[in-house]
């Protein structure tokens, strides 16, 4: 079976722009990390239950891959898809840490959607896959499109490619699993200060290297201070930027 790479991402910047119902809206630059990825493939199996083979911290029904399957099946009503998943397991060689701000679960879900679409010839466009993936998680559309670098807005559903060279990053993840909802709650209750549309537009037009050279880690990511407040055991790393709601840090690989 063909093997597919599900890449991690970092948030070069992440700024809150407002609220939309229960959710915060954002402006962010997502960039793919080419050196960190999970690997997914299908293998034949003998039992009809949906099966995921790999090291995960949750049960099957809570897994983003399973959720992606259920939404894909509801959207397509494809007997080919349901029959295939009764005879094949999803295998995952997991390298991206969970609950780490690197988008591992979202990348796995997006890669699964693309695998099914290609292997089973479902005929869905990337836009249709992204719409399905948005039901699974806010970051899934970015991974569906597969852009090396993109500006992501709204609650993650607006993804626009940003034309720039891919940057090599060094990534470290402390042994601390962070709750994304808890960090957002801390930010909303204690630190809420959305940026203007003009400032968001300026950041979205600026190359990633310039942003990393001109902003401090706290300035680049509105959730950094919230994560530090929410998790006192999270230690700051001088010269390192913070991805998503954490706990991962990153810096330029060519940083002295």
C-alpha atoms as a PDB file:
ATOM      1  CA  UNK A   1       0.000   0.000   0.000  1.00  0.00           C
ATOM      2  CA  UNK A   2       1.067   3.579  -0.665  1.00  0.00           C
ATOM      3  CA  UNK A   3       2.360   5.463   2.363  1.00  0.00           C
ATOM      4  CA  UNK A   4       1.359   9.078   2.971  1.00  0.00           C
ATOM      5  CA  UNK A   5       3.156  11.706   5.041  1.00  0.00           C
ATOM      6  CA  UNK A   6       1.127  13.804   7.491  1.00  0.00           C
ATOM      7  CA  UNK A   7       3.342  16.810   8.249  1.00  0.00           C
ATOM      8  CA  UNK A   8       3.432  18.935  11.388  1.00  0.00           C
ATOM      9  CA  UNK A   9       3.007  22.723  11.314  1.00  0.00           C
ATOM     10  CA  UNK A  10       4.114  25.676  13.383  1.00  0.00           C
ATOM     11  CA  UNK A  11       2.390  29.017  13.826  1.00  0.00           C
ATOM     12  CA  UNK A  12       4.855  31.723  12.770  1.00  0.00           C
ATOM     13  CA  UNK A  13       2.385  34.174  14.273  1.00  0.00           C
ATOM     14  CA  UNK A  14      -1.011  33.672  15.869  1.00  0.00           C
ATOM     15  CA  UNK A  15      -3.136  36.715  16.650  1.00  0.00           C
ATOM     16  CA  UNK A  16      -6.706  36.789  17.932  1.00  0.00           C
ATOM     17  CA  UNK A  17      -8.982  39.046  15.879  1.00  0.00           C
ATOM     18  CA  UNK A  18     -12.304  38.626  17.694  1.00  0.00           C
ATOM     19  CA  UNK A  19     -15.013  36.122  18.585  1.00  0.00           C
ATOM     20  CA  UNK A  20     -17.493  34.103  16.547  1.00  0.00           C
ATOM     21  CA  UNK A  21     -20.022  32.459  18.820  1.00  0.00           C
ATOM     22  CA  UNK A  22     -18.134  30.189  21.213  1.00  0.00           C
ATOM     23  CA  UNK A  23     -14.954  30.414  19.138  1.00  0.00           C
ATOM     24  CA  UNK A  24     -12.151  32.927  18.799  1.00  0.00           C
ATOM     25  CA  UNK A  25     -11.326  34.142  15.304  1.00  0.00           C
ATOM     26  CA  UNK A  26      -7.679  34.434  14.389  1.00  0.00           C
ATOM     27  CA  UNK A  27      -5.112  35.533  11.877  1.00  0.00           C
ATOM     28  CA  UNK A  28      -2.171  33.165  11.682  1.00  0.00           C
ATOM     29  CA  UNK A  29       0.679  32.042   9.452  1.00  0.00           C
ATOM     30  CA  UNK A  30       0.894  28.264   9.294  1.00  0.00           C
ATOM     31  CA  UNK A  31       4.092  26.733   7.943  1.00  0.00           C
ATOM     32  CA  UNK A  32       4.771  23.078   7.279  1.00  0.00           C
ATOM     33  CA  UNK A  33       7.598  21.342   9.126  1.00  0.00           C
ATOM     34  CA  UNK A  34       9.161  19.040   6.544  1.00  0.00           C
ATOM     35  CA  UNK A  35      11.293  17.148   9.066  1.00  0.00           C
ATOM     36  CA  UNK A  36       8.446  16.068  11.380  1.00  0.00           C
ATOM     37  CA  UNK A  37       5.597  13.900  10.137  1.00  0.00           C
ATOM     38  CA  UNK A  38       3.411  10.893  10.831  1.00  0.00           C
ATOM     39  CA  UNK A  39       3.126   8.180   8.183  1.00  0.00           C
ATOM     40  CA  UNK A  40      -0.254   6.676   7.247  1.00  0.00           C
ATOM     41  CA  UNK A  41      -1.195   3.681   5.141  1.00  0.00           C
ATOM     42  CA  UNK A  42      -3.910   1.026   4.811  1.00  0.00           C
ATOM     43  CA  UNK A  43      -3.535  -2.664   5.655  1.00  0.00           C
ATOM     44  CA  UNK A  44      -5.991  -5.539   5.121  1.00  0.00           C
ATOM     45  CA  UNK A  45      -7.820  -6.799   8.219  1.00  0.00           C
ATOM     46  CA  UNK A  46     -10.313  -9.552   9.042  1.00  0.00           C
ATOM     47  CA  UNK A  47     -12.793  -7.845  11.403  1.00  0.00           C
ATOM     48  CA  UNK A  48     -15.369  -5.287  10.184  1.00  0.00           C
ATOM     49  CA  UNK A  49     -14.955  -2.732  13.013  1.00  0.00           C
ATOM     50  CA  UNK A  50     -13.139   0.507  12.163  1.00  0.00           C
ATOM     51  CA  UNK A  51      -9.546  -0.043  13.231  1.00  0.00           C
ATOM     52  CA  UNK A  52      -6.623   2.331  13.748  1.00  0.00           C
ATOM     53  CA  UNK A  53      -3.233   0.738  14.334  1.00  0.00           C
ATOM     54  CA  UNK A  54      -0.758   3.011  16.079  1.00  0.00           C
ATOM     55  CA  UNK A  55       0.208   4.636  19.366  1.00  0.00           C
ATOM     56  CA  UNK A  56      -2.578   6.993  20.425  1.00  0.00           C
ATOM     57  CA  UNK A  57      -3.673   8.526  23.718  1.00  0.00           C
ATOM     58  CA  UNK A  58      -7.394   8.159  22.990  1.00  0.00           C
ATOM     59  CA  UNK A  59      -9.913   5.497  22.002  1.00  0.00           C
ATOM     60  CA  UNK A  60     -10.848   4.967  18.366  1.00  0.00           C
ATOM     61  CA  UNK A  61     -14.104   6.935  18.459  1.00  0.00           C
ATOM     62  CA  UNK A  62     -12.331   9.994  19.874  1.00  0.00           C
ATOM     63  CA  UNK A  63      -9.586   9.859  17.254  1.00  0.00           C
ATOM     64  CA  UNK A  64      -9.590  12.557  14.571  1.00  0.00           C
ATOM     65  CA  UNK A  65      -9.131   9.894  11.884  1.00  0.00           C
ATOM     66  CA  UNK A  66     -12.325   8.133  12.923  1.00  0.00           C
ATOM     67  CA  UNK A  67     -14.178  11.471  13.043  1.00  0.00           C
ATOM     68  CA  UNK A  68     -12.897  12.273   9.547  1.00  0.00           C
ATOM     69  CA  UNK A  69     -14.173   8.903   8.343  1.00  0.00           C
ATOM     70  CA  UNK A  70     -17.657   9.489   9.769  1.00  0.00           C
ATOM     71  CA  UNK A  71     -17.935  12.959   8.219  1.00  0.00           C
ATOM     72  CA  UNK A  72     -16.585  11.712   4.884  1.00  0.00           C
ATOM     73  CA  UNK A  73     -19.058   8.839   4.876  1.00  0.00           C
ATOM     74  CA  UNK A  74     -21.948  11.178   5.707  1.00  0.00           C
ATOM     75  CA  UNK A  75     -20.942  13.542   2.907  1.00  0.00           C
ATOM     76  CA  UNK A  76     -20.426  10.901   0.208  1.00  0.00           C
ATOM     77  CA  UNK A  77     -22.706   8.013   1.284  1.00  0.00           C
ATOM     78  CA  UNK A  78     -20.103   5.884  -0.495  1.00  0.00           C
ATOM     79  CA  UNK A  79     -20.556   2.112  -0.211  1.00  0.00           C
ATOM     80  CA  UNK A  80     -17.076   1.752  -1.683  1.00  0.00           C
ATOM     81  CA  UNK A  81     -15.721   3.709   1.298  1.00  0.00           C
ATOM     82  CA  UNK A  82     -17.663   1.791   3.957  1.00  0.00           C
ATOM     83  CA  UNK A  83     -16.813  -1.568   2.366  1.00  0.00           C
ATOM     84  CA  UNK A  84     -13.131  -0.640   2.156  1.00  0.00           C
ATOM     85  CA  UNK A  85     -12.931   0.382   5.806  1.00  0.00           C
ATOM     86  CA  UNK A  86     -14.549  -2.912   6.828  1.00  0.00           C
ATOM     87  CA  UNK A  87     -11.676  -4.775   5.186  1.00  0.00           C
ATOM     88  CA  UNK A  88      -8.783  -2.385   5.837  1.00  0.00           C
ATOM     89  CA  UNK A  89      -7.217  -0.827   8.931  1.00  0.00           C
ATOM     90  CA  UNK A  90      -5.652   2.631   9.061  1.00  0.00           C
ATOM     91  CA  UNK A  91      -2.024   2.321  10.149  1.00  0.00           C
ATOM     92  CA  UNK A  92      -0.187   5.288  11.669  1.00  0.00           C
ATOM     93  CA  UNK A  93       3.501   5.558  12.481  1.00  0.00           C
ATOM     94  CA  UNK A  94       3.144   8.377  15.011  1.00  0.00           C
ATOM     95  CA  UNK A  95       6.028  10.858  15.271  1.00  0.00           C
ATOM     96  CA  UNK A  96       4.231  14.177  15.941  1.00  0.00           C
ATOM     97  CA  UNK A  97       3.616  14.656  19.686  1.00  0.00           C
ATOM     98  CA  UNK A  98      -0.027  14.959  20.766  1.00  0.00           C
ATOM     99  CA  UNK A  99      -1.475  18.065  22.481  1.00  0.00           C
ATOM    100  CA  UNK A 100       1.635  19.979  21.440  1.00  0.00           C
ATOM    101  CA  UNK A 101       0.484  22.777  19.118  1.00  0.00           C
ATOM    102  CA  UNK A 102       1.876  21.057  16.016  1.00  0.00           C
ATOM    103  CA  UNK A 103      -1.400  19.954  14.447  1.00  0.00           C
ATOM    104  CA  UNK A 104      -0.684  16.223  14.540  1.00  0.00           C
ATOM    105  CA  UNK A 105      -4.279  15.079  14.928  1.00  0.00           C
ATOM    106  CA  UNK A 106      -5.517  17.531  12.308  1.00  0.00           C
ATOM    107  CA  UNK A 107      -2.782  16.500   9.885  1.00  0.00           C
ATOM    108  CA  UNK A 108      -3.653  12.818  10.360  1.00  0.00           C
ATOM    109  CA  UNK A 109      -7.340  13.528   9.694  1.00  0.00           C
ATOM    110  CA  UNK A 110      -6.572  15.572   6.577  1.00  0.00           C
ATOM    111  CA  UNK A 111      -4.173  12.943   5.258  1.00  0.00           C
ATOM    112  CA  UNK A 112      -6.765  10.223   5.825  1.00  0.00           C
ATOM    113  CA  UNK A 113      -9.317  12.236   3.823  1.00  0.00           C
ATOM    114  CA  UNK A 114      -6.879  12.652   0.956  1.00  0.00           C
ATOM    115  CA  UNK A 115      -5.901   8.971   1.083  1.00  0.00           C
ATOM    116  CA  UNK A 116      -9.509   7.848   0.811  1.00  0.00           C
ATOM    117  CA  UNK A 117     -10.224  10.313  -1.979  1.00  0.00           C
ATOM    118  CA  UNK A 118      -7.222   9.155  -4.011  1.00  0.00           C
ATOM    119  CA  UNK A 119      -7.215   5.419  -3.260  1.00  0.00           C
ATOM    120  CA  UNK A 120     -10.977   4.988  -3.716  1.00  0.00           C
ATOM    121  CA  UNK A 121     -11.355   7.585  -6.493  1.00  0.00           C
ATOM    122  CA  UNK A 122     -14.155   9.423  -4.677  1.00  0.00           C
ATOM    123  CA  UNK A 123     -13.754  12.420  -6.995  1.00  0.00           C
ATOM    124  CA  UNK A 124     -13.895  15.136  -4.336  1.00  0.00           C
ATOM    125  CA  UNK A 125     -12.108  18.446  -4.849  1.00  0.00           C
ATOM    126  CA  UNK A 126      -9.702  19.829  -2.258  1.00  0.00           C
ATOM    127  CA  UNK A 127     -12.317  22.462  -1.402  1.00  0.00           C
ATOM    128  CA  UNK A 128     -14.885  19.738  -0.708  1.00  0.00           C
ATOM    129  CA  UNK A 129     -12.402  17.777   1.393  1.00  0.00           C
ATOM    130  CA  UNK A 130     -11.509  20.941   3.324  1.00  0.00           C
ATOM    131  CA  UNK A 131     -15.197  21.604   4.045  1.00  0.00           C
ATOM    132  CA  UNK A 132     -15.571  18.055   5.363  1.00  0.00           C
ATOM    133  CA  UNK A 133     -12.379  18.353   7.376  1.00  0.00           C
ATOM    134  CA  UNK A 134     -13.483  21.606   9.015  1.00  0.00           C
ATOM    135  CA  UNK A 135     -16.083  19.565  10.901  1.00  0.00           C
ATOM    136  CA  UNK A 136     -13.267  17.560  12.484  1.00  0.00           C
ATOM    137  CA  UNK A 137     -11.087  20.478  13.578  1.00  0.00           C
ATOM    138  CA  UNK A 138     -10.168  24.065  12.787  1.00  0.00           C
ATOM    139  CA  UNK A 139      -6.667  23.207  11.501  1.00  0.00           C
ATOM    140  CA  UNK A 140      -7.727  20.378   9.171  1.00  0.00           C
ATOM    141  CA  UNK A 141      -8.408  22.539   6.060  1.00  0.00           C
ATOM    142  CA  UNK A 142      -4.805  23.827   6.057  1.00  0.00           C
ATOM    143  CA  UNK A 143      -3.478  20.271   5.964  1.00  0.00           C
ATOM    144  CA  UNK A 144      -5.985  19.207   3.309  1.00  0.00           C
ATOM    145  CA  UNK A 145      -4.711  21.884   0.934  1.00  0.00           C
ATOM    146  CA  UNK A 146      -1.106  20.917   1.576  1.00  0.00           C
ATOM    147  CA  UNK A 147       0.333  24.420   1.206  1.00  0.00           C
ATOM    148  CA  UNK A 148       3.906  24.827   2.529  1.00  0.00           C
ATOM    149  CA  UNK A 149       2.950  28.242   3.954  1.00  0.00           C
ATOM    150  CA  UNK A 150      -0.463  29.857   4.299  1.00  0.00           C
ATOM    151  CA  UNK A 151      -2.379  32.603   6.050  1.00  0.00           C
ATOM    152  CA  UNK A 152      -5.239  31.100   8.034  1.00  0.00           C
ATOM    153  CA  UNK A 153      -8.160  33.233   9.192  1.00  0.00           C
ATOM    154  CA  UNK A 154     -11.583  33.013  10.745  1.00  0.00           C
ATOM    155  CA  UNK A 155     -11.829  29.877  12.864  1.00  0.00           C
ATOM    156  CA  UNK A 156      -9.479  28.084  10.474  1.00  0.00           C
ATOM    157  CA  UNK A 157     -11.771  27.737   7.477  1.00  0.00           C
ATOM    158  CA  UNK A 158     -10.125  30.501   5.399  1.00  0.00           C
ATOM    159  CA  UNK A 159      -6.798  29.246   4.046  1.00  0.00           C
ATOM    160  CA  UNK A 160      -4.782  31.303   1.559  1.00  0.00           C
ATOM    161  CA  UNK A 161      -1.348  30.180   0.322  1.00  0.00           C
ATOM    162  CA  UNK A 162       1.548  32.518   1.055  1.00  0.00           C
ATOM    163  CA  UNK A 163       4.321  32.468  -1.532  1.00  0.00           C
ATOM    164  CA  UNK A 164       7.643  32.180   0.284  1.00  0.00           C
ATOM    165  CA  UNK A 165      10.492  29.682   0.652  1.00  0.00           C
ATOM    166  CA  UNK A 166       9.922  26.966   3.223  1.00  0.00           C
ATOM    167  CA  UNK A 167      11.942  27.568   6.389  1.00  0.00           C
ATOM    168  CA  UNK A 168      13.868  24.847   8.197  1.00  0.00           C
ATOM    169  CA  UNK A 169      12.784  24.723  11.847  1.00  0.00           C
ATOM    170  CA  UNK A 170      14.147  23.112  14.961  1.00  0.00           C
ATOM    171  CA  UNK A 171      11.250  21.962  17.141  1.00  0.00           C
ATOM    172  CA  UNK A 172      11.250  20.882  20.790  1.00  0.00           C
ATOM    173  CA  UNK A 173       8.244  19.632  22.752  1.00  0.00           C
ATOM    174  CA  UNK A 174       8.362  19.577  26.563  1.00  0.00           C
ATOM    175  CA  UNK A 175       6.782  16.493  28.211  1.00  0.00           C
ATOM    176  CA  UNK A 176       3.591  18.408  28.934  1.00  0.00           C
ATOM    177  CA  UNK A 177       0.232  17.860  27.256  1.00  0.00           C
ATOM    178  CA  UNK A 178      -1.672  21.135  26.960  1.00  0.00           C
ATOM    179  CA  UNK A 179      -5.429  21.550  26.656  1.00  0.00           C
ATOM    180  CA  UNK A 180      -6.251  23.863  23.777  1.00  0.00           C
ATOM    181  CA  UNK A 181      -9.678  24.840  25.240  1.00  0.00           C
ATOM    182  CA  UNK A 182      -8.105  25.608  28.648  1.00  0.00           C
ATOM    183  CA  UNK A 183      -5.553  27.988  27.103  1.00  0.00           C
ATOM    184  CA  UNK A 184      -8.213  29.767  25.062  1.00  0.00           C
ATOM    185  CA  UNK A 185     -10.401  30.142  28.174  1.00  0.00           C
ATOM    186  CA  UNK A 186      -7.490  31.655  30.102  1.00  0.00           C
ATOM    187  CA  UNK A 187      -6.822  34.061  27.235  1.00  0.00           C
ATOM    188  CA  UNK A 188     -10.490  35.069  26.948  1.00  0.00           C
ATOM    189  CA  UNK A 189     -10.951  35.582  30.691  1.00  0.00           C
ATOM    190  CA  UNK A 190      -7.677  37.386  31.495  1.00  0.00           C
ATOM    191  CA  UNK A 191      -5.815  38.561  28.401  1.00  0.00           C
ATOM    192  CA  UNK A 192      -8.385  39.202  25.682  1.00  0.00           C
ATOM    193  CA  UNK A 193      -7.051  41.947  23.384  1.00  0.00           C
ATOM    194  CA  UNK A 194      -7.858  41.298  19.708  1.00  0.00           C
ATOM    195  CA  UNK A 195      -5.799  43.047  17.056  1.00  0.00           C
ATOM    196  CA  UNK A 196      -7.265  45.315  14.391  1.00  0.00           C
ATOM    197  CA  UNK A 197      -8.044  44.221  10.861  1.00  0.00           C
ATOM    198  CA  UNK A 198      -5.313  46.578   9.614  1.00  0.00           C
ATOM    199  CA  UNK A 199      -2.662  44.981  11.834  1.00  0.00           C
ATOM    200  CA  UNK A 200      -3.795  41.507  10.786  1.00  0.00           C
ATOM    201  CA  UNK A 201      -3.508  42.469   7.122  1.00  0.00           C
ATOM    202  CA  UNK A 202      -0.011  43.847   7.684  1.00  0.00           C
ATOM    203  CA  UNK A 203       1.168  40.618   9.292  1.00  0.00           C
ATOM    204  CA  UNK A 204      -0.446  38.502   6.591  1.00  0.00           C
ATOM    205  CA  UNK A 205       1.536  40.414   3.942  1.00  0.00           C
ATOM    206  CA  UNK A 206       4.887  40.030   5.747  1.00  0.00           C
ATOM    207  CA  UNK A 207       7.271  37.114   5.005  1.00  0.00           C
ATOM    208  CA  UNK A 208       7.774  34.695   7.872  1.00  0.00           C
ATOM    209  CA  UNK A 209      11.488  35.383   8.303  1.00  0.00           C
ATOM    210  CA  UNK A 210      10.759  39.088   8.736  1.00  0.00           C
ATOM    211  CA  UNK A 211       8.094  38.360  11.329  1.00  0.00           C
ATOM    212  CA  UNK A 212      10.413  36.107  13.330  1.00  0.00           C
ATOM    213  CA  UNK A 213      13.163  38.720  13.155  1.00  0.00           C
ATOM    214  CA  UNK A 214      10.964  41.635  14.258  1.00  0.00           C
ATOM    215  CA  UNK A 215       8.630  40.176  16.914  1.00  0.00           C
ATOM    216  CA  UNK A 216       9.335  38.643  20.293  1.00  0.00           C
ATOM    217  CA  UNK A 217       7.801  35.205  20.986  1.00  0.00           C
ATOM    218  CA  UNK A 218       5.189  36.869  23.214  1.00  0.00           C
ATOM    219  CA  UNK A 219       4.310  39.381  20.499  1.00  0.00           C
ATOM    220  CA  UNK A 220       4.082  36.723  17.804  1.00  0.00           C
ATOM    221  CA  UNK A 221       1.631  34.434  19.594  1.00  0.00           C
ATOM    222  CA  UNK A 222      -1.280  35.748  21.643  1.00  0.00           C
ATOM    223  CA  UNK A 223      -1.675  32.356  23.338  1.00  0.00           C
ATOM    224  CA  UNK A 224       1.894  32.175  24.686  1.00  0.00           C
ATOM    225  CA  UNK A 225       1.232  34.215  27.841  1.00  0.00           C
ATOM    226  CA  UNK A 226      -2.061  32.374  28.323  1.00  0.00           C
ATOM    227  CA  UNK A 227      -0.295  29.002  28.184  1.00  0.00           C
ATOM    228  CA  UNK A 228       2.341  30.189  30.656  1.00  0.00           C
ATOM    229  CA  UNK A 229      -0.378  31.402  33.024  1.00  0.00           C
ATOM    230  CA  UNK A 230      -2.480  28.293  32.620  1.00  0.00           C
ATOM    231  CA  UNK A 231       0.456  25.910  33.041  1.00  0.00           C
ATOM    232  CA  UNK A 232       3.005  27.257  35.572  1.00  0.00           C
ATOM    233  CA  UNK A 233       5.196  24.206  34.912  1.00  0.00           C
ATOM    234  CA  UNK A 234       5.705  25.362  31.311  1.00  0.00           C
ATOM    235  CA  UNK A 235       9.117  27.005  31.198  1.00  0.00           C
ATOM    236  CA  UNK A 236      10.002  29.818  28.815  1.00  0.00           C
ATOM    237  CA  UNK A 237      12.811  29.109  26.371  1.00  0.00           C
ATOM    238  CA  UNK A 238      14.793  32.188  25.420  1.00  0.00           C
ATOM    239  CA  UNK A 239      15.078  32.697  21.659  1.00  0.00           C
ATOM    240  CA  UNK A 240      12.360  30.145  20.892  1.00  0.00           C
ATOM    241  CA  UNK A 241       8.890  30.844  19.495  1.00  0.00           C
ATOM    242  CA  UNK A 242       5.698  29.135  20.639  1.00  0.00           C
ATOM    243  CA  UNK A 243       3.417  27.143  18.323  1.00  0.00           C
ATOM    244  CA  UNK A 244      -0.363  27.231  18.662  1.00  0.00           C
ATOM    245  CA  UNK A 245      -1.486  26.799  22.256  1.00  0.00           C
ATOM    246  CA  UNK A 246       1.682  24.789  22.924  1.00  0.00           C
ATOM    247  CA  UNK A 247       3.543  23.102  24.373  1.00  0.00           C
ATOM    248  CA  UNK A 248       6.011  23.041  21.455  1.00  0.00           C
ATOM    249  CA  UNK A 249       8.693  25.642  20.795  1.00  0.00           C
ATOM    250  CA  UNK A 250      10.487  26.301  17.512  1.00  0.00           C
ATOM    251  CA  UNK A 251      13.285  28.394  16.061  1.00  0.00           C
ATOM    252  CA  UNK A 252      15.095  28.755  12.756  1.00  0.00           C
ATOM    253  CA  UNK A 253      17.301  25.753  12.131  1.00  0.00           C
ATOM    254  CA  UNK A 254      20.083  28.119  10.992  1.00  0.00           C
ATOM    255  CA  UNK A 255      19.780  30.135  14.234  1.00  0.00           C
ATOM    256  CA  UNK A 256      23.237  30.459  15.836  1.00  0.00           C
END
